Amino acid sequence: MQKVINKAEWEYEWERCKPFIEKAVKHQDSYTIDDIEDKIRHGLFHLWPGKESAFVTEIIIFPQNKAMNLLFCGGNYKEIEEILESIEIFAKNAGIKRLYGGGRKGWIRKIKHLGFEQEYLIRKELWVKAKPQQHNKLTYLVIYKTYIKICQPEV
């Protein structure tokens, strides 16, 4: 089982494990390595260090249950599986109902034997090369005045 580490140890572990996570960060555009470090520092993300690998997770609280998002991992794959065992024990003890994770298609082949199932996620890019639809100032004024009119209580 992973041990809880204090801030000084956390900073040391992060510097040591950062290269493992940096490799995973390159495959997405939602977080930079500095964003991840900041979220770990503030307790929003959790670092799970190994000797030759690391995981970064976050807990998500839904109205009906809690889940853990497996955000980033990198390093020695065998050790990643071992860290995942500790993550699962922690998650169960914290009342977390399920683990979520994303990644490239090939990941499901590597982790299916660990009990993971494939789900489908859809997305739509809103800022692809072209800017969002432009409205003139009059359109915004009409929308704003309509909003104000709707939101003003009658006297």
N, C-alpha and C. Protein backbone atom coordinates (compact mmCIF):
# COMPACT_ATOMS: atom_id res chain seq x y z
N MET A 1 0.85 -1.18 0.00
CA MET A 1 0.00 0.00 0.00
C MET A 1 0.89 1.24 0.00
N GLN A 2 0.50 2.25 -0.76
CA GLN A 2 1.24 3.50 -0.83
C GLN A 2 1.15 4.22 0.51
N LYS A 3 2.22 4.90 0.90
CA LYS A 3 2.17 5.66 2.15
C LYS A 3 1.88 7.12 1.87
N VAL A 4 1.28 7.79 2.83
CA VAL A 4 1.02 9.22 2.72
C VAL A 4 2.34 9.94 2.93
N ILE A 5 2.62 10.94 2.11
CA ILE A 5 3.88 11.65 2.21
C ILE A 5 3.65 13.13 2.50
N ASN A 6 4.55 13.74 3.30
CA ASN A 6 4.37 15.16 3.62
C ASN A 6 4.86 16.02 2.46
N LYS A 7 4.67 17.32 2.59
CA LYS A 7 4.93 18.24 1.48
C LYS A 7 6.37 18.16 0.98
N ALA A 8 7.34 18.13 1.87
CA ALA A 8 8.73 18.07 1.43
C ALA A 8 8.98 16.80 0.62
N GLU A 9 8.45 15.69 1.09
CA GLU A 9 8.59 14.45 0.34
C GLU A 9 7.81 14.54 -0.97
N TRP A 10 6.64 15.18 -0.93
CA TRP A 10 5.84 15.31 -2.15
C TRP A 10 6.61 16.06 -3.22
N GLU A 11 7.24 17.16 -2.85
CA GLU A 11 8.00 17.93 -3.82
C GLU A 11 9.14 17.11 -4.41
N TYR A 12 9.82 16.38 -3.57
CA TYR A 12 10.91 15.52 -4.04
C TYR A 12 10.36 14.44 -4.98
N GLU A 13 9.27 13.80 -4.57
CA GLU A 13 8.67 12.73 -5.39
C GLU A 13 8.17 13.29 -6.72
N TRP A 14 7.58 14.47 -6.71
CA TRP A 14 7.09 15.06 -7.94
C TRP A 14 8.23 15.31 -8.92
N GLU A 15 9.31 15.91 -8.46
CA GLU A 15 10.45 16.16 -9.35
C GLU A 15 10.99 14.86 -9.93
N ARG A 16 11.02 13.82 -9.13
CA ARG A 16 11.52 12.53 -9.59
C ARG A 16 10.55 11.88 -10.58
N CYS A 17 9.25 12.02 -10.35
CA CYS A 17 8.23 11.35 -11.17
C CYS A 17 7.73 12.19 -12.35
N LYS A 18 8.02 13.47 -12.33
CA LYS A 18 7.52 14.36 -13.38
C LYS A 18 7.82 13.86 -14.79
N PRO A 19 9.03 13.34 -15.08
CA PRO A 19 9.29 12.86 -16.44
C PRO A 19 8.35 11.73 -16.89
N PHE A 20 7.90 10.88 -15.97
CA PHE A 20 6.96 9.82 -16.33
C PHE A 20 5.63 10.42 -16.78
N ILE A 21 5.18 11.43 -16.06
CA ILE A 21 3.89 12.06 -16.34
C ILE A 21 3.98 12.96 -17.58
N GLU A 22 5.13 13.62 -17.77
CA GLU A 22 5.29 14.50 -18.93
C GLU A 22 5.05 13.75 -20.24
N LYS A 23 5.46 12.52 -20.31
CA LYS A 23 5.26 11.74 -21.54
C LYS A 23 3.77 11.56 -21.83
N ALA A 24 2.96 11.36 -20.80
CA ALA A 24 1.52 11.19 -20.98
C ALA A 24 0.84 12.51 -21.32
N VAL A 25 1.33 13.59 -20.75
CA VAL A 25 0.73 14.91 -20.95
C VAL A 25 0.81 15.32 -22.42
N LYS A 26 1.81 14.85 -23.13
CA LYS A 26 1.99 15.21 -24.54
C LYS A 26 0.85 14.72 -25.43
N HIS A 27 0.06 13.77 -24.96
CA HIS A 27 -1.01 13.18 -25.78
C HIS A 27 -2.37 13.84 -25.58
N GLN A 28 -2.41 15.01 -24.94
CA GLN A 28 -3.67 15.70 -24.71
C GLN A 28 -3.40 17.20 -24.65
N ASP A 29 -4.47 17.98 -24.63
CA ASP A 29 -4.28 19.43 -24.62
C ASP A 29 -5.08 20.14 -23.53
N SER A 30 -5.52 19.41 -22.52
CA SER A 30 -6.31 20.01 -21.45
C SER A 30 -5.46 20.51 -20.28
N TYR A 31 -4.30 19.90 -20.06
CA TYR A 31 -3.43 20.26 -18.95
C TYR A 31 -1.99 20.35 -19.43
N THR A 32 -1.26 21.29 -18.84
CA THR A 32 0.19 21.32 -19.00
C THR A 32 0.78 20.62 -17.77
N ILE A 33 2.04 20.34 -17.80
CA ILE A 33 2.69 19.71 -16.64
C ILE A 33 2.64 20.68 -15.44
N ASP A 34 2.70 21.98 -15.70
CA ASP A 34 2.61 22.96 -14.61
C ASP A 34 1.20 22.99 -14.01
N ASP A 35 0.18 22.83 -14.86
CA ASP A 35 -1.21 22.75 -14.35
C ASP A 35 -1.34 21.57 -13.39
N ILE A 36 -0.78 20.45 -13.79
CA ILE A 36 -0.88 19.23 -12.98
C ILE A 36 -0.17 19.44 -11.65
N GLU A 37 1.02 19.99 -11.70
CA GLU A 37 1.77 20.25 -10.46
C GLU A 37 0.98 21.17 -9.53
N ASP A 38 0.38 22.21 -10.08
CA ASP A 38 -0.40 23.14 -9.28
C ASP A 38 -1.59 22.44 -8.62
N LYS A 39 -2.27 21.59 -9.36
CA LYS A 39 -3.44 20.89 -8.82
C LYS A 39 -3.02 19.86 -7.76
N ILE A 40 -1.86 19.25 -7.92
CA ILE A 40 -1.35 18.35 -6.88
C ILE A 40 -1.02 19.17 -5.63
N ARG A 41 -0.35 20.27 -5.83
CA ARG A 41 0.04 21.14 -4.70
C ARG A 41 -1.18 21.58 -3.89
N HIS A 42 -2.30 21.82 -4.56
CA HIS A 42 -3.51 22.29 -3.87
C HIS A 42 -4.43 21.15 -3.47
N GLY A 43 -4.00 19.92 -3.63
CA GLY A 43 -4.79 18.78 -3.18
C GLY A 43 -5.93 18.38 -4.09
N LEU A 44 -5.99 18.93 -5.29
CA LEU A 44 -7.07 18.58 -6.21
C LEU A 44 -6.75 17.32 -7.01
N PHE A 45 -5.48 17.12 -7.31
CA PHE A 45 -5.00 15.89 -7.95
C PHE A 45 -4.13 15.17 -6.94
N HIS A 46 -3.97 13.87 -7.13
CA HIS A 46 -3.18 13.05 -6.21
C HIS A 46 -2.06 12.36 -6.98
N LEU A 47 -0.85 12.45 -6.45
CA LEU A 47 0.31 11.79 -7.03
C LEU A 47 0.52 10.45 -6.37
N TRP A 48 0.66 9.41 -7.19
CA TRP A 48 0.93 8.05 -6.72
C TRP A 48 2.29 7.65 -7.28
N PRO A 49 3.37 7.90 -6.52
CA PRO A 49 4.71 7.63 -7.05
C PRO A 49 5.12 6.17 -6.89
N GLY A 50 5.80 5.66 -7.89
CA GLY A 50 6.45 4.36 -7.81
C GLY A 50 7.95 4.58 -7.95
N LYS A 51 8.70 3.52 -8.03
CA LYS A 51 10.15 3.67 -8.22
C LYS A 51 10.48 4.07 -9.64
N GLU A 52 9.75 3.50 -10.61
CA GLU A 52 10.03 3.75 -12.02
C GLU A 52 8.78 4.20 -12.78
N SER A 53 7.78 4.69 -12.08
CA SER A 53 6.53 5.11 -12.72
C SER A 53 5.72 5.95 -11.75
N ALA A 54 4.60 6.49 -12.26
CA ALA A 54 3.73 7.30 -11.41
C ALA A 54 2.33 7.38 -12.03
N PHE A 55 1.37 7.67 -11.17
CA PHE A 55 -0.03 7.90 -11.54
C PHE A 55 -0.42 9.26 -11.00
N VAL A 56 -1.34 9.94 -11.67
CA VAL A 56 -1.99 11.14 -11.15
C VAL A 56 -3.49 10.90 -11.26
N THR A 57 -4.20 11.12 -10.15
CA THR A 57 -5.64 10.87 -10.11
C THR A 57 -6.36 12.08 -9.53
N GLU A 58 -7.68 12.07 -9.67
CA GLU A 58 -8.53 13.05 -9.00
C GLU A 58 -9.80 12.35 -8.57
N ILE A 59 -10.39 12.83 -7.48
CA ILE A 59 -11.66 12.30 -7.01
C ILE A 59 -12.76 13.22 -7.52
N ILE A 60 -13.80 12.62 -8.05
CA ILE A 60 -14.95 13.36 -8.57
C ILE A 60 -16.15 13.00 -7.72
N ILE A 61 -16.83 14.00 -7.19
CA ILE A 61 -18.00 13.76 -6.34
C ILE A 61 -19.25 14.09 -7.14
N PHE A 62 -20.05 13.07 -7.41
CA PHE A 62 -21.34 13.22 -8.07
C PHE A 62 -22.41 13.24 -6.99
N PRO A 63 -23.63 13.67 -7.31
CA PRO A 63 -24.69 13.68 -6.29
C PRO A 63 -24.98 12.31 -5.68
N GLN A 64 -24.84 11.24 -6.46
CA GLN A 64 -25.20 9.92 -5.97
C GLN A 64 -24.01 9.02 -5.63
N ASN A 65 -22.80 9.39 -6.02
CA ASN A 65 -21.63 8.56 -5.70
C ASN A 65 -20.34 9.32 -5.97
N LYS A 66 -19.24 8.68 -5.65
CA LYS A 66 -17.92 9.24 -5.91
C LYS A 66 -17.20 8.35 -6.92
N ALA A 67 -16.35 8.97 -7.72
CA ALA A 67 -15.55 8.24 -8.70
C ALA A 67 -14.13 8.78 -8.64
N MET A 68 -13.22 8.02 -9.17
CA MET A 68 -11.84 8.49 -9.27
C MET A 68 -11.46 8.47 -10.74
N ASN A 69 -10.92 9.59 -11.19
CA ASN A 69 -10.46 9.73 -12.55
C ASN A 69 -8.97 9.42 -12.58
N LEU A 70 -8.59 8.43 -13.36
CA LEU A 70 -7.18 8.09 -13.57
C LEU A 70 -6.67 8.98 -14.69
N LEU A 71 -6.08 10.10 -14.33
CA LEU A 71 -5.75 11.13 -15.31
C LEU A 71 -4.52 10.82 -16.14
N PHE A 72 -3.41 10.55 -15.48
CA PHE A 72 -2.15 10.35 -16.18
C PHE A 72 -1.36 9.24 -15.50
N CYS A 73 -0.65 8.48 -16.30
CA CYS A 73 0.30 7.52 -15.76
C CYS A 73 1.43 7.37 -16.76
N GLY A 74 2.56 6.94 -16.25
CA GLY A 74 3.70 6.74 -17.12
C GLY A 74 4.79 6.00 -16.39
N GLY A 75 5.69 5.40 -17.16
CA GLY A 75 6.80 4.67 -16.59
C GLY A 75 6.70 3.18 -16.87
N ASN A 76 7.20 2.40 -15.93
CA ASN A 76 7.24 0.95 -16.05
C ASN A 76 5.83 0.38 -15.94
N TYR A 77 5.38 -0.30 -17.00
CA TYR A 77 3.99 -0.75 -17.03
C TYR A 77 3.67 -1.74 -15.90
N LYS A 78 4.56 -2.66 -15.61
CA LYS A 78 4.32 -3.64 -14.54
C LYS A 78 4.11 -2.92 -13.21
N GLU A 79 4.92 -1.91 -12.96
CA GLU A 79 4.77 -1.14 -11.73
C GLU A 79 3.48 -0.31 -11.74
N ILE A 80 3.08 0.17 -12.91
CA ILE A 80 1.82 0.91 -13.01
C ILE A 80 0.67 0.02 -12.55
N GLU A 81 0.69 -1.26 -12.94
CA GLU A 81 -0.35 -2.19 -12.49
C GLU A 81 -0.31 -2.34 -10.97
N GLU A 82 0.88 -2.39 -10.39
CA GLU A 82 1.01 -2.51 -8.93
C GLU A 82 0.48 -1.26 -8.23
N ILE A 83 0.79 -0.08 -8.76
CA ILE A 83 0.27 1.16 -8.18
C ILE A 83 -1.26 1.17 -8.27
N LEU A 84 -1.77 0.68 -9.37
CA LEU A 84 -3.23 0.64 -9.55
C LEU A 84 -3.90 -0.18 -8.45
N GLU A 85 -3.25 -1.26 -8.01
CA GLU A 85 -3.80 -2.05 -6.88
C GLU A 85 -3.95 -1.17 -5.64
N SER A 86 -2.93 -0.36 -5.35
CA SER A 86 -3.00 0.55 -4.19
C SER A 86 -4.07 1.61 -4.38
N ILE A 87 -4.20 2.11 -5.58
CA ILE A 87 -5.23 3.10 -5.88
C ILE A 87 -6.61 2.50 -5.62
N GLU A 88 -6.82 1.25 -6.07
CA GLU A 88 -8.11 0.60 -5.87
C GLU A 88 -8.42 0.39 -4.39
N ILE A 89 -7.45 0.00 -3.60
CA ILE A 89 -7.65 -0.18 -2.16
C ILE A 89 -8.03 1.16 -1.53
N PHE A 90 -7.27 2.20 -1.85
CA PHE A 90 -7.57 3.53 -1.34
C PHE A 90 -8.98 3.96 -1.73
N ALA A 91 -9.32 3.77 -3.01
CA ALA A 91 -10.62 4.20 -3.52
C ALA A 91 -11.77 3.48 -2.81
N LYS A 92 -11.64 2.18 -2.63
CA LYS A 92 -12.68 1.42 -1.92
C LYS A 92 -12.85 1.93 -0.50
N ASN A 93 -11.74 2.17 0.19
CA ASN A 93 -11.79 2.67 1.56
C ASN A 93 -12.37 4.09 1.64
N ALA A 94 -12.27 4.84 0.56
CA ALA A 94 -12.80 6.21 0.52
C ALA A 94 -14.25 6.24 0.03
N GLY A 95 -14.83 5.07 -0.22
CA GLY A 95 -16.21 5.02 -0.68
C GLY A 95 -16.39 5.38 -2.14
N ILE A 96 -15.35 5.24 -2.91
CA ILE A 96 -15.42 5.54 -4.34
C ILE A 96 -16.01 4.34 -5.07
N LYS A 97 -17.00 4.60 -5.90
CA LYS A 97 -17.75 3.54 -6.56
C LYS A 97 -17.06 3.00 -7.82
N ARG A 98 -16.42 3.88 -8.59
CA ARG A 98 -15.80 3.41 -9.83
C ARG A 98 -14.60 4.25 -10.21
N LEU A 99 -13.76 3.65 -11.03
CA LEU A 99 -12.61 4.33 -11.60
C LEU A 99 -12.92 4.66 -13.05
N TYR A 100 -12.50 5.83 -13.47
CA TYR A 100 -12.60 6.22 -14.88
C TYR A 100 -11.21 6.53 -15.38
N GLY A 101 -11.00 6.33 -16.63
CA GLY A 101 -9.74 6.71 -17.25
C GLY A 101 -9.93 6.83 -18.73
N GLY A 102 -9.09 7.57 -19.35
CA GLY A 102 -9.15 7.73 -20.80
C GLY A 102 -7.76 7.52 -21.37
N GLY A 103 -7.73 7.42 -22.64
CA GLY A 103 -6.44 7.25 -23.30
C GLY A 103 -6.62 6.81 -24.73
N ARG A 104 -5.53 6.46 -25.32
CA ARG A 104 -5.58 6.00 -26.69
C ARG A 104 -6.19 4.60 -26.75
N LYS A 105 -6.67 4.22 -27.94
CA LYS A 105 -7.38 2.96 -28.14
C LYS A 105 -6.64 1.73 -27.59
N GLY A 106 -5.36 1.68 -27.76
CA GLY A 106 -4.58 0.52 -27.36
C GLY A 106 -4.60 0.22 -25.87
N TRP A 107 -4.95 1.20 -25.05
CA TRP A 107 -4.96 0.99 -23.60
C TRP A 107 -5.90 -0.13 -23.17
N ILE A 108 -7.05 -0.25 -23.83
CA ILE A 108 -8.02 -1.25 -23.39
C ILE A 108 -7.43 -2.66 -23.50
N ARG A 109 -6.62 -2.91 -24.51
CA ARG A 109 -5.97 -4.23 -24.63
C ARG A 109 -5.03 -4.49 -23.46
N LYS A 110 -4.35 -3.44 -23.01
CA LYS A 110 -3.38 -3.60 -21.92
C LYS A 110 -4.04 -3.77 -20.56
N ILE A 111 -5.25 -3.21 -20.37
CA ILE A 111 -5.83 -3.20 -19.02
C ILE A 111 -7.11 -4.01 -18.87
N LYS A 112 -7.58 -4.61 -19.94
CA LYS A 112 -8.83 -5.37 -19.87
C LYS A 112 -8.74 -6.47 -18.80
N HIS A 113 -7.60 -7.13 -18.70
CA HIS A 113 -7.43 -8.21 -17.71
C HIS A 113 -7.50 -7.70 -16.27
N LEU A 114 -7.45 -6.39 -16.08
CA LEU A 114 -7.56 -5.80 -14.74
C LEU A 114 -9.01 -5.46 -14.38
N GLY A 115 -9.94 -5.79 -15.29
CA GLY A 115 -11.36 -5.56 -15.01
C GLY A 115 -11.93 -4.30 -15.63
N PHE A 116 -11.14 -3.59 -16.41
CA PHE A 116 -11.63 -2.37 -17.05
C PHE A 116 -12.49 -2.73 -18.26
N GLU A 117 -13.52 -1.91 -18.48
CA GLU A 117 -14.40 -2.07 -19.62
C GLU A 117 -14.33 -0.80 -20.46
N GLN A 118 -14.51 -0.96 -21.76
CA GLN A 118 -14.50 0.19 -22.64
C GLN A 118 -15.85 0.91 -22.59
N GLU A 119 -15.81 2.22 -22.45
CA GLU A 119 -16.98 3.07 -22.57
C GLU A 119 -16.71 4.02 -23.72
N TYR A 120 -17.72 4.70 -24.15
CA TYR A 120 -17.55 5.61 -25.27
C TYR A 120 -17.79 7.03 -24.81
N LEU A 121 -16.94 7.91 -25.24
CA LEU A 121 -17.01 9.32 -24.92
C LEU A 121 -17.11 10.07 -26.23
N ILE A 122 -17.97 11.03 -26.29
CA ILE A 122 -18.07 11.84 -27.50
C ILE A 122 -17.58 13.25 -27.20
N ARG A 123 -17.16 13.94 -28.22
CA ARG A 123 -16.74 15.33 -28.04
C ARG A 123 -16.97 16.10 -29.32
N LYS A 124 -17.05 17.38 -29.17
CA LYS A 124 -17.17 18.29 -30.30
C LYS A 124 -16.26 19.47 -30.02
N GLU A 125 -15.32 19.70 -30.90
CA GLU A 125 -14.42 20.84 -30.75
C GLU A 125 -15.17 22.10 -31.16
N LEU A 126 -15.17 23.11 -30.32
CA LEU A 126 -15.86 24.35 -30.60
C LEU A 126 -14.94 25.43 -31.16
N TRP A 127 -13.66 25.27 -30.99
CA TRP A 127 -12.70 26.27 -31.43
C TRP A 127 -11.71 25.66 -32.41
N VAL A 128 -12.20 25.06 -33.46
CA VAL A 128 -11.31 24.45 -34.45
C VAL A 128 -11.06 25.44 -35.57
N LYS A 129 -9.88 25.97 -35.61
CA LYS A 129 -9.40 26.92 -36.62
C LYS A 129 -10.28 28.17 -36.76
N ALA A 130 -11.57 28.02 -36.94
CA ALA A 130 -12.45 29.18 -37.07
C ALA A 130 -12.91 29.64 -35.70
N LYS A 131 -13.14 30.92 -35.56
CA LYS A 131 -13.66 31.45 -34.30
C LYS A 131 -15.15 31.15 -34.21
N PRO A 132 -15.73 31.21 -33.03
CA PRO A 132 -17.17 30.98 -32.92
C PRO A 132 -17.94 32.00 -33.74
N GLN A 133 -19.17 31.68 -34.04
CA GLN A 133 -20.01 32.55 -34.85
C GLN A 133 -20.02 33.97 -34.26
N GLN A 134 -19.80 34.94 -35.11
CA GLN A 134 -19.77 36.33 -34.67
C GLN A 134 -21.17 36.94 -34.75
N HIS A 135 -21.54 37.68 -33.75
CA HIS A 135 -22.80 38.42 -33.73
C HIS A 135 -22.45 39.90 -33.68
N ASN A 136 -23.30 40.70 -34.26
CA ASN A 136 -23.02 42.14 -34.19
C ASN A 136 -23.46 42.68 -32.82
N LYS A 137 -23.08 43.90 -32.51
CA LYS A 137 -23.37 44.50 -31.21
C LYS A 137 -24.87 44.60 -30.96
N LEU A 138 -25.66 44.84 -31.99
CA LEU A 138 -27.10 44.95 -31.84
C LEU A 138 -27.69 43.63 -31.34
N THR A 139 -27.20 42.50 -31.86
CA THR A 139 -27.69 41.19 -31.42
C THR A 139 -27.42 41.01 -29.93
N TYR A 140 -26.22 41.37 -29.48
CA TYR A 140 -25.91 41.24 -28.06
C TYR A 140 -26.78 42.15 -27.21
N LEU A 141 -27.04 43.36 -27.71
CA LEU A 141 -27.87 44.31 -26.98
C LEU A 141 -29.29 43.77 -26.84
N VAL A 142 -29.85 43.22 -27.90
CA VAL A 142 -31.19 42.65 -27.86
C VAL A 142 -31.24 41.48 -26.88
N ILE A 143 -30.24 40.60 -26.96
CA ILE A 143 -30.19 39.45 -26.04
C ILE A 143 -30.07 39.94 -24.60
N TYR A 144 -29.20 40.91 -24.35
CA TYR A 144 -28.99 41.44 -23.01
C TYR A 144 -30.27 42.08 -22.47
N LYS A 145 -30.92 42.93 -23.28
CA LYS A 145 -32.14 43.59 -22.82
C LYS A 145 -33.25 42.58 -22.58
N THR A 146 -33.35 41.55 -23.42
CA THR A 146 -34.35 40.50 -23.22
C THR A 146 -34.07 39.77 -21.91
N TYR A 147 -32.80 39.47 -21.64
CA TYR A 147 -32.41 38.78 -20.41
C TYR A 147 -32.78 39.63 -19.20
N ILE A 148 -32.44 40.92 -19.26
CA ILE A 148 -32.75 41.83 -18.15
C ILE A 148 -34.26 41.89 -17.93
N LYS A 149 -35.01 41.98 -19.01
CA LYS A 149 -36.47 42.06 -18.92
C LYS A 149 -37.03 40.80 -18.27
N ILE A 150 -36.53 39.65 -18.68
CA ILE A 150 -37.01 38.38 -18.13
C ILE A 150 -36.65 38.25 -16.66
N CYS A 151 -35.48 38.72 -16.29
CA CYS A 151 -34.98 38.52 -14.93
C CYS A 151 -35.46 39.57 -13.94
N GLN A 152 -36.00 40.69 -14.42
CA GLN A 152 -36.45 41.72 -13.49
C GLN A 152 -37.78 41.30 -12.86
N PRO A 153 -37.87 41.33 -11.53
CA PRO A 153 -39.13 40.99 -10.89
C PRO A 153 -40.17 42.09 -11.12
N GLU A 154 -41.38 41.67 -11.25
CA GLU A 154 -42.46 42.66 -11.43
C GLU A 154 -42.76 43.31 -10.08
N VAL A 155 -43.05 44.60 -10.13
CA VAL A 155 -43.32 45.35 -8.90
C VAL A 155 -44.80 45.53 -8.71
